[in-house]
Amino acid sequence: MNKNIGPIDRGIRVVVGLVLIALVFVGPQTPWGWLGIIPLGTALVGWCPPYAMFRINTGAEKS
Protein backbone atom coordinates (compact mmCIF):
# COMPACT_ATOMS: atom_id res chain seq x y z
CA MET A 1 0.00 0.00 0.00
CA ASN A 2 1.62 3.21 -1.17
CA LYS A 3 0.44 6.40 0.49
CA ASN A 4 -1.93 8.27 -1.79
CA ILE A 5 -3.16 11.04 0.52
CA GLY A 6 -1.33 14.37 0.69
CA PRO A 7 -0.89 16.57 3.75
CA ILE A 8 -3.76 18.98 2.98
CA ASP A 9 -6.12 16.09 2.24
CA ARG A 10 -5.04 14.41 5.48
CA GLY A 11 -5.72 17.54 7.51
CA ILE A 12 -9.19 17.91 6.04
CA ARG A 13 -9.96 14.25 6.75
CA VAL A 14 -8.81 14.55 10.37
CA VAL A 15 -11.01 17.61 10.96
CA VAL A 16 -14.05 16.06 9.25
CA GLY A 17 -13.58 12.78 11.13
CA LEU A 18 -13.28 14.47 14.52
CA VAL A 19 -16.31 16.68 13.85
CA LEU A 20 -18.43 13.67 12.87
CA ILE A 21 -17.33 11.70 15.93
CA ALA A 22 -18.06 14.73 18.13
CA LEU A 23 -21.66 14.63 16.85
CA VAL A 24 -22.09 11.34 18.69
CA PHE A 25 -21.54 13.08 22.01
CA VAL A 26 -22.69 16.66 21.34
CA GLY A 27 -25.45 18.02 19.16
CA PRO A 28 -27.95 15.61 17.63
CA GLN A 29 -26.25 12.60 19.31
CA THR A 30 -26.95 10.17 16.49
CA PRO A 31 -24.94 7.02 15.86
CA TRP A 32 -24.27 8.23 12.31
CA GLY A 33 -21.38 10.24 13.74
CA TRP A 34 -19.36 7.05 14.07
CA LEU A 35 -18.88 7.21 10.30
CA GLY A 36 -16.20 9.76 11.18
CA ILE A 37 -13.91 6.83 11.94
CA ILE A 38 -13.54 6.24 8.19
CA PRO A 39 -11.99 9.59 7.21
CA LEU A 40 -10.00 9.68 10.45
CA GLY A 41 -8.61 6.19 9.83
CA THR A 42 -7.68 6.87 6.22
CA ALA A 43 -5.93 10.08 7.29
CA LEU A 44 -3.91 8.29 9.96
CA VAL A 45 -2.92 5.47 7.61
CA GLY A 46 -2.33 7.75 4.62
CA TRP A 47 -4.03 5.42 2.18
CA CYS A 48 -7.55 5.62 0.74
CA PRO A 49 -9.01 2.55 -1.05
CA PRO A 50 -11.24 4.54 -3.46
CA TYR A 51 -8.27 6.74 -4.37
CA ALA A 52 -6.27 3.59 -5.15
CA MET A 53 -9.12 2.20 -7.28
CA PHE A 54 -9.35 5.37 -9.37
CA ARG A 55 -5.56 5.98 -9.33
CA ILE A 56 -5.87 9.32 -7.52
CA ASN A 57 -2.83 10.58 -5.63
CA THR A 58 -3.00 13.87 -3.73
CA GLY A 59 0.49 13.40 -2.28
CA ALA A 60 3.73 14.55 -3.82
CA GLU A 61 5.20 12.37 -6.54
CA LYS A 62 8.50 10.73 -5.68
CA SER A 63 11.17 10.73 -8.37
PDB file of N, CA and C in Angstrom:
ATOM      1  N   MET A   1       0.836  -1.178   0.000  1.00  0.00           N
ATOM      2  CA  MET A   1       0.000   0.000   0.000  1.00  0.00           C
ATOM      3  C   MET A   1       0.885   1.246   0.000  1.00  0.00           C
ATOM      4  N   ASN A   2       0.919   1.933  -1.098  1.00  0.00           N
ATOM      5  CA  ASN A   2       1.616   3.205  -1.169  1.00  0.00           C
ATOM      6  C   ASN A   2       0.691   4.305  -0.669  1.00  0.00           C
ATOM      7  N   LYS A   3       1.258   5.289  -0.004  1.00  0.00           N
ATOM      8  CA  LYS A   3       0.442   6.397   0.494  1.00  0.00           C
ATOM      9  C   LYS A   3      -0.062   7.208  -0.693  1.00  0.00           C
ATOM     10  N   ASN A   4      -1.357   7.509  -0.689  1.00  0.00           N
ATOM     11  CA  ASN A   4      -1.933   8.266  -1.788  1.00  0.00           C
ATOM     12  C   ASN A   4      -2.713   9.489  -1.305  1.00  0.00           C
ATOM     13  N   ILE A   5      -2.487   9.886  -0.050  1.00  0.00           N
ATOM     14  CA  ILE A   5      -3.164  11.038   0.520  1.00  0.00           C
ATOM     15  C   ILE A   5      -2.111  12.070   0.909  1.00  0.00           C
ATOM     16  N   GLY A   6      -2.269  13.290   0.398  1.00  0.00           N
ATOM     17  CA  GLY A   6      -1.332  14.372   0.686  1.00  0.00           C
ATOM     18  C   GLY A   6      -1.618  15.034   2.022  1.00  0.00           C
ATOM     19  N   PRO A   7      -0.755  15.945   2.440  1.00  0.00           N
ATOM     20  CA  PRO A   7      -0.895  16.573   3.752  1.00  0.00           C
ATOM     21  C   PRO A   7      -2.152  17.429   3.906  1.00  0.00           C
ATOM     22  N   ILE A   8      -2.549  18.150   2.868  1.00  0.00           N
ATOM     23  CA  ILE A   8      -3.762  18.976   2.976  1.00  0.00           C
ATOM     24  C   ILE A   8      -4.987  18.079   3.060  1.00  0.00           C
ATOM     25  N   ASP A   9      -5.025  17.054   2.236  1.00  0.00           N
ATOM     26  CA  ASP A   9      -6.121  16.085   2.241  1.00  0.00           C
ATOM     27  C   ASP A   9      -6.208  15.396   3.607  1.00  0.00           C
ATOM     28  N   ARG A  10      -5.063  15.050   4.166  1.00  0.00           N
ATOM     29  CA  ARG A  10      -5.036  14.410   5.484  1.00  0.00           C
ATOM     30  C   ARG A  10      -5.614  15.318   6.554  1.00  0.00           C
ATOM     31  N   GLY A  11      -5.219  16.587   6.528  1.00  0.00           N
ATOM     32  CA  GLY A  11      -5.719  17.545   7.515  1.00  0.00           C
ATOM     33  C   GLY A  11      -7.225  17.700   7.443  1.00  0.00           C
ATOM     34  N   ILE A  12      -7.739  17.786   6.225  1.00  0.00           N
ATOM     35  CA  ILE A  12      -9.193  17.911   6.045  1.00  0.00           C
ATOM     36  C   ILE A  12      -9.897  16.667   6.569  1.00  0.00           C
ATOM     37  N   ARG A  13      -9.344  15.501   6.282  1.00  0.00           N
ATOM     38  CA  ARG A  13      -9.957  14.253   6.748  1.00  0.00           C
ATOM     39  C   ARG A  13      -9.953  14.144   8.272  1.00  0.00           C
ATOM     40  N   VAL A  14      -8.878  14.590   8.908  1.00  0.00           N
ATOM     41  CA  VAL A  14      -8.811  14.552  10.371  1.00  0.00           C
ATOM     42  C   VAL A  14      -9.886  15.451  10.970  1.00  0.00           C
ATOM     43  N   VAL A  15     -10.007  16.666  10.444  1.00  0.00           N
ATOM     44  CA  VAL A  15     -11.007  17.607  10.961  1.00  0.00           C
ATOM     45  C   VAL A  15     -12.417  17.066  10.749  1.00  0.00           C
ATOM     46  N   VAL A  16     -12.710  16.585   9.547  1.00  0.00           N
ATOM     47  CA  VAL A  16     -14.046  16.057   9.250  1.00  0.00           C
ATOM     48  C   VAL A  16     -14.346  14.847  10.141  1.00  0.00           C
ATOM     49  N   GLY A  17     -13.375  13.955  10.293  1.00  0.00           N
ATOM     50  CA  GLY A  17     -13.577  12.778  11.132  1.00  0.00           C
ATOM     51  C   GLY A  17     -13.852  13.137  12.575  1.00  0.00           C
ATOM     52  N   LEU A  18     -13.082  14.069  13.127  1.00  0.00           N
ATOM     53  CA  LEU A  18     -13.285  14.475  14.518  1.00  0.00           C
ATOM     54  C   LEU A  18     -14.613  15.186  14.720  1.00  0.00           C
ATOM     55  N   VAL A  19     -15.015  16.004  13.748  1.00  0.00           N
ATOM     56  CA  VAL A  19     -16.310  16.679  13.851  1.00  0.00           C
ATOM     57  C   VAL A  19     -17.445  15.664  13.827  1.00  0.00           C
ATOM     58  N   LEU A  20     -17.367  14.688  12.938  1.00  0.00           N
ATOM     59  CA  LEU A  20     -18.425  13.670  12.869  1.00  0.00           C
ATOM     60  C   LEU A  20     -18.489  12.846  14.151  1.00  0.00           C
ATOM     61  N   ILE A  21     -17.339  12.470  14.689  1.00  0.00           N
ATOM     62  CA  ILE A  21     -17.329  11.699  15.933  1.00  0.00           C
ATOM     63  C   ILE A  21     -17.857  12.548  17.084  1.00  0.00           C
ATOM     64  N   ALA A  22     -17.556  13.841  17.081  1.00  0.00           N
ATOM     65  CA  ALA A  22     -18.065  14.734  18.130  1.00  0.00           C
ATOM     66  C   ALA A  22     -19.592  14.796  18.114  1.00  0.00           C
ATOM     67  N   LEU A  23     -20.196  14.601  16.941  1.00  0.00           N
ATOM     68  CA  LEU A  23     -21.655  14.626  16.848  1.00  0.00           C
ATOM     69  C   LEU A  23     -22.310  13.483  17.617  1.00  0.00           C
ATOM     70  N   VAL A  24     -21.543  12.449  17.910  1.00  0.00           N
ATOM     71  CA  VAL A  24     -22.094  11.335  18.691  1.00  0.00           C
ATOM     72  C   VAL A  24     -22.333  11.777  20.124  1.00  0.00           C
ATOM     73  N   PHE A  25     -21.477  12.670  20.617  1.00  0.00           N
ATOM     74  CA  PHE A  25     -21.539  13.081  22.013  1.00  0.00           C
ATOM     75  C   PHE A  25     -22.220  14.430  22.223  1.00  0.00           C
ATOM     76  N   VAL A  26     -22.132  15.315  21.233  1.00  0.00           N
ATOM     77  CA  VAL A  26     -22.687  16.662  21.340  1.00  0.00           C
ATOM     78  C   VAL A  26     -23.593  16.887  20.135  1.00  0.00           C
ATOM     79  N   GLY A  27     -24.579  17.704  20.292  1.00  0.00           N
ATOM     80  CA  GLY A  27     -25.451  18.019  19.160  1.00  0.00           C
ATOM     81  C   GLY A  27     -26.573  17.003  19.033  1.00  0.00           C
ATOM     82  N   PRO A  28     -26.820  16.515  17.820  1.00  0.00           N
ATOM     83  CA  PRO A  28     -27.955  15.613  17.628  1.00  0.00           C
ATOM     84  C   PRO A  28     -27.779  14.238  18.285  1.00  0.00           C
ATOM     85  N   GLN A  29     -26.563  13.874  18.634  1.00  0.00           N
ATOM     86  CA  GLN A  29     -26.254  12.605  19.307  1.00  0.00           C
ATOM     87  C   GLN A  29     -26.815  11.392  18.565  1.00  0.00           C
ATOM     88  N   THR A  30     -26.521  11.319  17.284  1.00  0.00           N
ATOM     89  CA  THR A  30     -26.952  10.171  16.494  1.00  0.00           C
ATOM     90  C   THR A  30     -25.768   9.234  16.274  1.00  0.00           C
ATOM     91  N   PRO A  31     -26.029   7.957  16.115  1.00  0.00           N
ATOM     92  CA  PRO A  31     -24.936   7.017  15.863  1.00  0.00           C
ATOM     93  C   PRO A  31     -24.277   7.198  14.497  1.00  0.00           C
ATOM     94  N   TRP A  32     -24.860   7.990  13.622  1.00  0.00           N
ATOM     95  CA  TRP A  32     -24.267   8.233  12.310  1.00  0.00           C
ATOM     96  C   TRP A  32     -22.918   8.925  12.429  1.00  0.00           C
ATOM     97  N   GLY A  33     -22.653   9.571  13.529  1.00  0.00           N
ATOM     98  CA  GLY A  33     -21.383  10.244  13.737  1.00  0.00           C
ATOM     99  C   GLY A  33     -20.200   9.295  13.752  1.00  0.00           C
ATOM    100  N   TRP A  34     -20.459   8.027  14.065  1.00  0.00           N
ATOM    101  CA  TRP A  34     -19.359   7.047  14.074  1.00  0.00           C
ATOM    102  C   TRP A  34     -18.778   6.825  12.689  1.00  0.00           C
ATOM    103  N   LEU A  35     -19.454   7.286  11.651  1.00  0.00           N
ATOM    104  CA  LEU A  35     -18.881   7.208  10.305  1.00  0.00           C
ATOM    105  C   LEU A  35     -17.620   8.067  10.189  1.00  0.00           C
ATOM    106  N   GLY A  36     -17.402   8.947  11.160  1.00  0.00           N
ATOM    107  CA  GLY A  36     -16.198   9.762  11.185  1.00  0.00           C
ATOM    108  C   GLY A  36     -14.932   8.951  11.368  1.00  0.00           C
ATOM    109  N   ILE A  37     -15.073   7.708  11.794  1.00  0.00           N
ATOM    110  CA  ILE A  37     -13.910   6.831  11.943  1.00  0.00           C
ATOM    111  C   ILE A  37     -13.270   6.560  10.581  1.00  0.00           C
ATOM    112  N   ILE A  38     -14.064   6.542   9.533  1.00  0.00           N
ATOM    113  CA  ILE A  38     -13.537   6.240   8.193  1.00  0.00           C
ATOM    114  C   ILE A  38     -12.567   7.317   7.711  1.00  0.00           C
ATOM    115  N   PRO A  39     -12.967   8.605   7.659  1.00  0.00           N
ATOM    116  CA  PRO A  39     -11.988   9.590   7.210  1.00  0.00           C
ATOM    117  C   PRO A  39     -10.815   9.750   8.181  1.00  0.00           C
ATOM    118  N   LEU A  40     -11.071   9.586   9.472  1.00  0.00           N
ATOM    119  CA  LEU A  40      -9.996   9.677  10.449  1.00  0.00           C
ATOM    120  C   LEU A  40      -9.000   8.540  10.263  1.00  0.00           C
ATOM    121  N   GLY A  41      -9.495   7.341  10.040  1.00  0.00           N
ATOM    122  CA  GLY A  41      -8.612   6.189   9.826  1.00  0.00           C
ATOM    123  C   GLY A  41      -7.796   6.291   8.559  1.00  0.00           C
ATOM    124  N   THR A  42      -8.426   6.737   7.474  1.00  0.00           N
ATOM    125  CA  THR A  42      -7.681   6.869   6.224  1.00  0.00           C
ATOM    126  C   THR A  42      -6.633   7.967   6.329  1.00  0.00           C
ATOM    127  N   ALA A  43      -6.922   9.007   7.101  1.00  0.00           N
ATOM    128  CA  ALA A  43      -5.935  10.079   7.288  1.00  0.00           C
ATOM    129  C   ALA A  43      -4.745   9.575   8.105  1.00  0.00           C
ATOM    130  N   LEU A  44      -5.002   8.796   9.120  1.00  0.00           N
ATOM    131  CA  LEU A  44      -3.914   8.293   9.960  1.00  0.00           C
ATOM    132  C   LEU A  44      -3.045   7.285   9.217  1.00  0.00           C
ATOM    133  N   VAL A  45      -3.661   6.471   8.369  1.00  0.00           N
ATOM    134  CA  VAL A  45      -2.919   5.468   7.615  1.00  0.00           C
ATOM    135  C   VAL A  45      -2.241   6.094   6.395  1.00  0.00           C
ATOM    136  N   GLY A  46      -2.889   7.100   5.798  1.00  0.00           N
ATOM    137  CA  GLY A  46      -2.329   7.754   4.623  1.00  0.00           C
ATOM    138  C   GLY A  46      -2.700   7.078   3.322  1.00  0.00           C
ATOM    139  N   TRP A  47      -3.623   6.172   3.369  1.00  0.00           N
ATOM    140  CA  TRP A  47      -4.027   5.416   2.182  1.00  0.00           C
ATOM    141  C   TRP A  47      -5.543   5.352   2.116  1.00  0.00           C
ATOM    142  N   CYS A  48      -6.103   5.632   0.947  1.00  0.00           N
ATOM    143  CA  CYS A  48      -7.549   5.616   0.744  1.00  0.00           C
ATOM    144  C   CYS A  48      -7.878   4.606  -0.356  1.00  0.00           C
ATOM    145  N   PRO A  49      -8.676   3.568  -0.044  1.00  0.00           N
ATOM    146  CA  PRO A  49      -9.008   2.550  -1.047  1.00  0.00           C
ATOM    147  C   PRO A  49      -9.676   3.103  -2.316  1.00  0.00           C
ATOM    148  N   PRO A  50     -10.674   4.012  -2.215  1.00  0.00           N
ATOM    149  CA  PRO A  50     -11.244   4.538  -3.462  1.00  0.00           C
ATOM    150  C   PRO A  50     -10.225   5.315  -4.294  1.00  0.00           C
ATOM    151  N   TYR A  51      -9.315   6.036  -3.627  1.00  0.00           N
ATOM    152  CA  TYR A  51      -8.266   6.736  -4.367  1.00  0.00           C
ATOM    153  C   TYR A  51      -7.407   5.731  -5.125  1.00  0.00           C
ATOM    154  N   ALA A  52      -7.091   4.620  -4.503  1.00  0.00           N
ATOM    155  CA  ALA A  52      -6.273   3.594  -5.152  1.00  0.00           C
ATOM    156  C   ALA A  52      -7.016   2.991  -6.351  1.00  0.00           C
ATOM    157  N   MET A  53      -8.319   2.772  -6.201  1.00  0.00           N
ATOM    158  CA  MET A  53      -9.119   2.202  -7.276  1.00  0.00           C
ATOM    159  C   MET A  53      -9.143   3.107  -8.507  1.00  0.00           C
ATOM    160  N   PHE A  54      -9.264   4.412  -8.265  1.00  0.00           N
ATOM    161  CA  PHE A  54      -9.349   5.371  -9.368  1.00  0.00           C
ATOM    162  C   PHE A  54      -8.004   6.017  -9.691  1.00  0.00           C
ATOM    163  N   ARG A  55      -6.936   5.502  -9.092  1.00  0.00           N
ATOM    164  CA  ARG A  55      -5.562   5.978  -9.325  1.00  0.00           C
ATOM    165  C   ARG A  55      -5.400   7.472  -9.060  1.00  0.00           C
ATOM    166  N   ILE A  56      -5.998   7.924  -7.949  1.00  0.00           N
ATOM    167  CA  ILE A  56      -5.874   9.319  -7.524  1.00  0.00           C
ATOM    168  C   ILE A  56      -4.773   9.382  -6.483  1.00  0.00           C
ATOM    169  N   ASN A  57      -3.915  10.391  -6.596  1.00  0.00           N
ATOM    170  CA  ASN A  57      -2.833  10.575  -5.632  1.00  0.00           C
ATOM    171  C   ASN A  57      -2.722  12.059  -5.332  1.00  0.00           C
ATOM    172  N   THR A  58      -3.077  12.468  -4.101  1.00  0.00           N
ATOM    173  CA  THR A  58      -2.998  13.873  -3.733  1.00  0.00           C
ATOM    174  C   THR A  58      -1.664  14.198  -3.064  1.00  0.00           C
ATOM    175  N   GLY A  59      -0.834  13.191  -2.877  1.00  0.00           N
ATOM    176  CA  GLY A  59       0.487  13.398  -2.282  1.00  0.00           C
ATOM    177  C   GLY A  59       1.496  13.801  -3.339  1.00  0.00           C
ATOM    178  N   ALA A  60       2.667  14.157  -2.896  1.00  0.00           N
ATOM    179  CA  ALA A  60       3.734  14.553  -3.822  1.00  0.00           C
ATOM    180  C   ALA A  60       4.294  13.312  -4.521  1.00  0.00           C
ATOM    181  N   GLU A  61       4.599  13.468  -5.774  1.00  0.00           N
ATOM    182  CA  GLU A  61       5.195  12.372  -6.542  1.00  0.00           C
ATOM    183  C   GLU A  61       6.651  12.217  -6.163  1.00  0.00           C
ATOM    184  N   LYS A  62       7.092  10.998  -5.994  1.00  0.00           N
ATOM    185  CA  LYS A  62       8.496  10.727  -5.682  1.00  0.00           C
ATOM    186  C   LYS A  62       9.228  10.374  -6.967  1.00  0.00           C
ATOM    187  N   SER A  63      10.384  10.992  -7.160  1.00  0.00           N
ATOM    188  CA  SER A  63      11.167  10.728  -8.374  1.00  0.00           C
ATOM    189  C   SER A  63      12.371   9.874  -8.043  1.00  0.00           C
TER     190      SER A  63
END
